[in-house]
Amino acid sequence: MRSQAHTFLWHTTPLSHVPYLLQTGALLSAAELARGGHPIRPRPSAIRRKTKLGLADFVHLSPVPQTPLLRDKQEKGYAHVLLSFHREVTLALPGVALLKFNTKRWAHRDDFVPVRDADEKTAVWAAYEAGKYPSLEVLVPQTLPLAPYAARLHVATPVESEILQALIAALALPAPPICLSPASFPLVSVATDDGEVSDYFAACRNAGRVLPPPLLPFD
C-alpha cells in the first residue's frame, strides 16, 4: 500500500495566505498573482525564476510534502501549511505536465521543458519512482481548484490548527479538512511569525471578512 506521501501531491503556502486562498477557492499561478488585483503576491525570486524559464503560468506541486522550500521557510521562522491533493485525479486534469527538476535548481534550460506527452510522462514518473529526478514537480496550468481536488489542509502545530479552525468557523470559509500533521513538515516548532499571524486572524474575525494579509518577507 502506498504511503500518504505517495498517494497525494503537495503544495506549501504561508499560513497567513490561507484565508484568502480559502475565500478564492483555488491555487493560482505566479503569473496570475502578479497580474494584480490580488492581496497576495508571488515571491520575487520565484516569479523571476519561473518567468525566465517559462513556467510562471503553472501551479507547482510536489510528489512529497517535505521540500527544500518548506524547510527554508520554516528555518527562517515563517509558519507554512501544506495542501494535499488527490494524486490520480489531479494528474488527469487537462494540460498537466511534469517537470524533471525544481526551479530552484539552476541547470541547462532544456532541463526545464515541461513534459506533456502521455508516454513520456509515464516514463518520467517511473524514473522518479526509481530514484531519478528527486525534485520532480507536477505542473497544473493557471489554476487548481481546491474542490474537489484538495484532500486535506495540514498544519505543523496545535497553535496553528487552533487559530485556523477558529477563523474558518467564524467566517464560514469553505475548507478541506484540517489535519495536524507534524510528521509532514521538516521542522516542528512554533514559528516566529505566529503572533503576527494570530493577530491577523483575530482582525479578520473581528471584521467578519478576510482582510489583506500582513506583508511578511517570505522571499
Protein backbone atom coordinates (compact mmCIF):
# COMPACT_ATOMS: atom_id res chain seq x y z
CA MET A 1 0.00 0.00 0.00
CA ARG A 2 1.27 3.45 -0.86
CA SER A 3 2.28 5.78 1.93
CA GLN A 4 0.35 9.02 2.40
CA ALA A 5 3.17 10.95 0.73
CA HIS A 6 2.82 8.88 -2.45
CA THR A 7 -0.99 8.97 -2.53
CA PHE A 8 -1.12 12.75 -2.80
CA LEU A 9 0.51 15.72 -4.45
CA TRP A 10 1.58 18.59 -2.21
CA HIS A 11 1.75 22.38 -2.19
CA THR A 12 3.05 24.65 0.57
CA THR A 13 1.91 28.20 1.25
CA PRO A 14 2.28 30.70 4.13
CA LEU A 15 -0.23 30.32 6.94
CA SER A 16 -1.16 34.00 6.57
CA HIS A 17 -2.24 33.39 2.96
CA VAL A 18 -4.71 30.66 3.86
CA PRO A 19 -7.79 32.88 4.49
CA TYR A 20 -7.53 34.45 1.02
CA LEU A 21 -6.77 31.07 -0.53
CA LEU A 22 -9.88 29.53 1.03
CA GLN A 23 -12.01 32.50 0.03
CA THR A 24 -10.69 32.27 -3.55
CA GLY A 25 -11.17 28.51 -3.60
CA ALA A 26 -8.15 27.81 -5.78
CA LEU A 27 -4.40 27.93 -6.10
CA LEU A 28 -3.33 30.50 -8.70
CA SER A 29 -0.18 30.52 -10.80
CA ALA A 30 2.55 33.05 -10.04
CA ALA A 31 1.76 34.87 -13.29
CA GLU A 32 -1.89 35.21 -12.32
CA LEU A 33 -0.99 36.57 -8.88
CA ALA A 34 1.48 39.00 -10.43
CA ARG A 35 -1.15 40.47 -12.77
CA GLY A 36 -2.61 42.45 -9.90
CA GLY A 37 -5.95 42.57 -8.14
CA HIS A 38 -4.83 40.04 -5.54
CA PRO A 39 -3.84 40.91 -1.95
CA ILE A 40 -1.07 38.31 -2.05
CA ARG A 41 1.88 38.41 -4.42
CA PRO A 42 4.30 35.72 -5.60
CA ARG A 43 7.75 35.66 -4.04
CA PRO A 44 10.00 37.98 -6.14
CA SER A 45 12.78 35.41 -6.56
CA ALA A 46 10.26 32.71 -7.51
CA ILE A 47 8.47 34.79 -10.12
CA ARG A 48 11.81 35.83 -11.63
CA ARG A 49 12.97 32.22 -11.96
CA LYS A 50 9.65 30.93 -13.24
CA THR A 51 9.25 33.74 -15.75
CA LYS A 52 12.79 33.26 -17.06
CA LEU A 53 12.12 29.53 -17.51
CA GLY A 54 8.63 29.99 -18.99
CA LEU A 55 6.95 28.29 -16.02
CA ALA A 56 5.10 31.16 -14.35
CA ASP A 57 1.71 30.15 -15.77
CA PHE A 58 1.62 26.89 -13.80
CA VAL A 59 0.69 25.92 -10.26
CA HIS A 60 3.62 23.86 -8.97
CA LEU A 61 3.06 20.71 -6.89
CA SER A 62 5.46 18.20 -5.37
CA PRO A 63 5.05 14.42 -5.04
CA VAL A 64 6.34 14.70 -1.44
CA PRO A 65 5.42 17.07 1.41
CA GLN A 66 8.91 17.84 2.69
CA THR A 67 10.73 20.05 0.19
CA PRO A 68 13.77 22.36 0.41
CA LEU A 69 11.44 25.36 0.02
CA LEU A 70 9.36 24.37 3.05
CA ARG A 71 12.46 23.67 5.14
CA ASP A 72 13.95 27.05 4.19
CA LYS A 73 10.80 28.94 5.22
CA GLN A 74 10.48 27.03 8.49
CA GLU A 75 14.15 27.62 9.31
CA LYS A 76 13.55 31.35 8.80
CA GLY A 77 10.62 31.23 11.22
CA TYR A 78 7.70 31.57 8.81
CA ALA A 79 4.63 29.46 9.52
CA HIS A 80 3.54 27.49 6.45
CA VAL A 81 0.82 24.96 5.76
CA LEU A 82 0.64 22.05 3.34
CA LEU A 83 -2.21 21.26 0.99
CA SER A 84 -2.51 17.66 -0.15
CA PHE A 85 -4.27 16.94 -3.44
CA HIS A 86 -5.67 13.64 -4.66
CA ARG A 87 -2.91 12.46 -6.95
CA GLU A 88 -4.65 10.49 -9.70
CA VAL A 89 -7.48 12.96 -10.39
CA THR A 90 -5.09 15.91 -10.29
CA LEU A 91 -2.69 14.26 -12.72
CA ALA A 92 -5.65 13.64 -15.05
CA LEU A 93 -6.51 17.36 -15.34
CA PRO A 94 -6.16 18.85 -18.85
CA GLY A 95 -2.72 20.24 -19.63
CA VAL A 96 -0.96 18.79 -16.58
CA ALA A 97 2.78 18.37 -17.22
CA LEU A 98 5.79 17.06 -15.34
CA LEU A 99 8.98 19.00 -14.63
CA LYS A 100 12.06 16.90 -14.01
CA PHE A 101 13.72 19.43 -11.71
CA ASN A 102 12.60 22.02 -9.17
CA THR A 103 13.04 25.56 -10.49
CA LYS A 104 15.50 26.38 -7.68
CA ARG A 105 17.95 24.02 -9.37
CA TRP A 106 19.84 26.18 -11.88
CA ALA A 107 20.76 23.93 -14.77
CA HIS A 108 20.54 23.89 -18.56
CA ARG A 109 17.33 25.48 -19.83
CA ASP A 110 16.44 22.24 -21.64
CA ASP A 111 16.12 20.57 -18.23
CA PHE A 112 13.09 22.79 -17.53
CA VAL A 113 10.95 21.96 -20.55
CA PRO A 114 7.58 20.68 -19.29
CA VAL A 115 6.94 17.04 -20.18
CA ARG A 116 3.49 16.91 -21.78
CA ASP A 117 3.40 13.75 -23.89
CA ALA A 118 1.49 10.97 -22.11
CA ASP A 119 4.03 8.23 -22.83
CA GLU A 120 6.94 10.46 -21.84
CA LYS A 121 5.18 11.45 -18.62
CA THR A 122 4.73 7.78 -17.79
CA ALA A 123 8.44 7.18 -18.38
CA VAL A 124 9.49 10.22 -16.32
CA TRP A 125 7.21 9.21 -13.43
CA ALA A 126 8.62 5.68 -13.49
CA ALA A 127 12.13 7.13 -13.40
CA TYR A 128 11.12 9.28 -10.42
CA GLU A 129 9.74 6.24 -8.60
CA ALA A 130 13.07 4.50 -9.27
CA GLY A 131 15.00 7.32 -7.58
CA LYS A 132 15.76 9.62 -10.51
CA TYR A 133 14.58 13.26 -10.59
CA PRO A 134 14.21 13.62 -6.79
CA SER A 135 12.97 17.22 -7.16
CA LEU A 136 10.28 16.34 -9.72
CA GLU A 137 7.35 18.75 -9.90
CA VAL A 138 3.82 18.46 -11.26
CA LEU A 139 2.62 21.49 -13.25
CA VAL A 140 -1.08 22.41 -13.41
CA PRO A 141 -1.94 25.19 -15.90
CA GLN A 142 -3.08 28.51 -14.44
CA THR A 143 -5.47 27.44 -11.64
CA LEU A 144 -6.03 24.46 -9.38
CA PRO A 145 -9.44 24.49 -7.63
CA LEU A 146 -9.45 23.26 -4.06
CA ALA A 147 -12.74 21.43 -4.54
CA PRO A 148 -12.84 18.58 -5.39
CA TYR A 149 -9.07 18.08 -5.70
CA ALA A 150 -7.75 19.09 -2.25
CA ALA A 151 -7.85 16.29 0.30
CA ARG A 152 -6.52 17.95 3.47
CA LEU A 153 -5.04 21.19 4.78
CA HIS A 154 -2.11 20.22 7.01
CA VAL A 155 -0.60 22.29 9.82
CA ALA A 156 2.52 21.69 11.87
CA THR A 157 1.48 22.77 15.39
CA PRO A 158 -1.63 22.73 17.63
CA VAL A 159 -1.48 26.56 17.83
CA GLU A 160 -1.73 26.85 14.05
CA SER A 161 -4.60 24.35 13.97
CA GLU A 162 -6.49 26.23 16.70
CA ILE A 163 -6.28 29.70 15.15
CA LEU A 164 -7.02 28.41 11.66
CA GLN A 165 -10.06 26.39 12.66
CA ALA A 166 -11.40 29.31 14.71
CA LEU A 167 -11.14 31.62 11.70
CA ILE A 168 -12.75 29.11 9.32
CA ALA A 169 -15.67 28.67 11.72
CA ALA A 170 -16.09 32.41 12.32
CA LEU A 171 -16.12 33.36 8.63
CA ALA A 172 -17.75 30.15 7.34
CA LEU A 173 -14.91 29.70 4.88
CA PRO A 174 -15.09 26.62 2.67
CA ALA A 175 -12.10 24.45 3.50
CA PRO A 176 -10.82 20.92 3.19
CA PRO A 177 -10.47 19.05 6.49
CA ILE A 178 -7.75 20.49 8.74
CA CYS A 179 -5.17 17.92 9.80
CA LEU A 180 -2.47 18.31 12.47
CA SER A 181 0.43 16.63 10.67
CA PRO A 182 3.79 17.43 12.29
CA ALA A 183 5.44 14.45 10.58
CA SER A 184 4.74 16.01 7.17
CA PHE A 185 6.89 19.05 7.97
CA PRO A 186 10.70 19.16 8.00
CA LEU A 187 10.72 21.06 11.30
CA VAL A 188 8.16 21.16 14.09
CA SER A 189 8.32 24.31 16.17
CA VAL A 190 6.27 27.40 16.83
CA ALA A 191 7.22 29.82 14.07
CA THR A 192 8.42 33.30 14.99
CA ASP A 193 5.60 34.91 13.00
CA ASP A 194 2.83 33.06 14.90
CA GLY A 195 1.97 36.18 16.92
CA GLU A 196 1.59 38.37 13.85
CA VAL A 197 -0.47 35.74 12.06
CA SER A 198 -2.65 35.23 15.16
CA ASP A 199 -3.28 38.99 15.29
CA TYR A 200 -4.18 38.98 11.59
CA PHE A 201 -6.61 36.08 12.02
CA ALA A 202 -8.19 37.87 15.01
CA ALA A 203 -8.58 41.04 12.92
CA CYS A 204 -10.35 39.04 10.21
CA ARG A 205 -12.70 37.52 12.78
CA ASN A 206 -13.47 40.94 14.26
CA ALA A 207 -14.09 42.42 10.81
CA GLY A 208 -16.23 39.49 9.77
CA ARG A 209 -14.34 39.17 6.49
CA VAL A 210 -10.97 38.24 5.01
CA LEU A 211 -8.61 41.22 5.23
CA PRO A 212 -5.41 41.65 3.16
CA PRO A 213 -2.69 39.55 4.84
CA PRO A 214 0.31 41.14 6.58
CA LEU A 215 3.31 41.78 4.38
CA LEU A 216 5.80 39.27 5.71
CA PRO A 217 9.17 38.92 3.92
CA PHE A 218 8.82 35.32 2.71
CA ASP A 219 11.36 35.62 -0.11
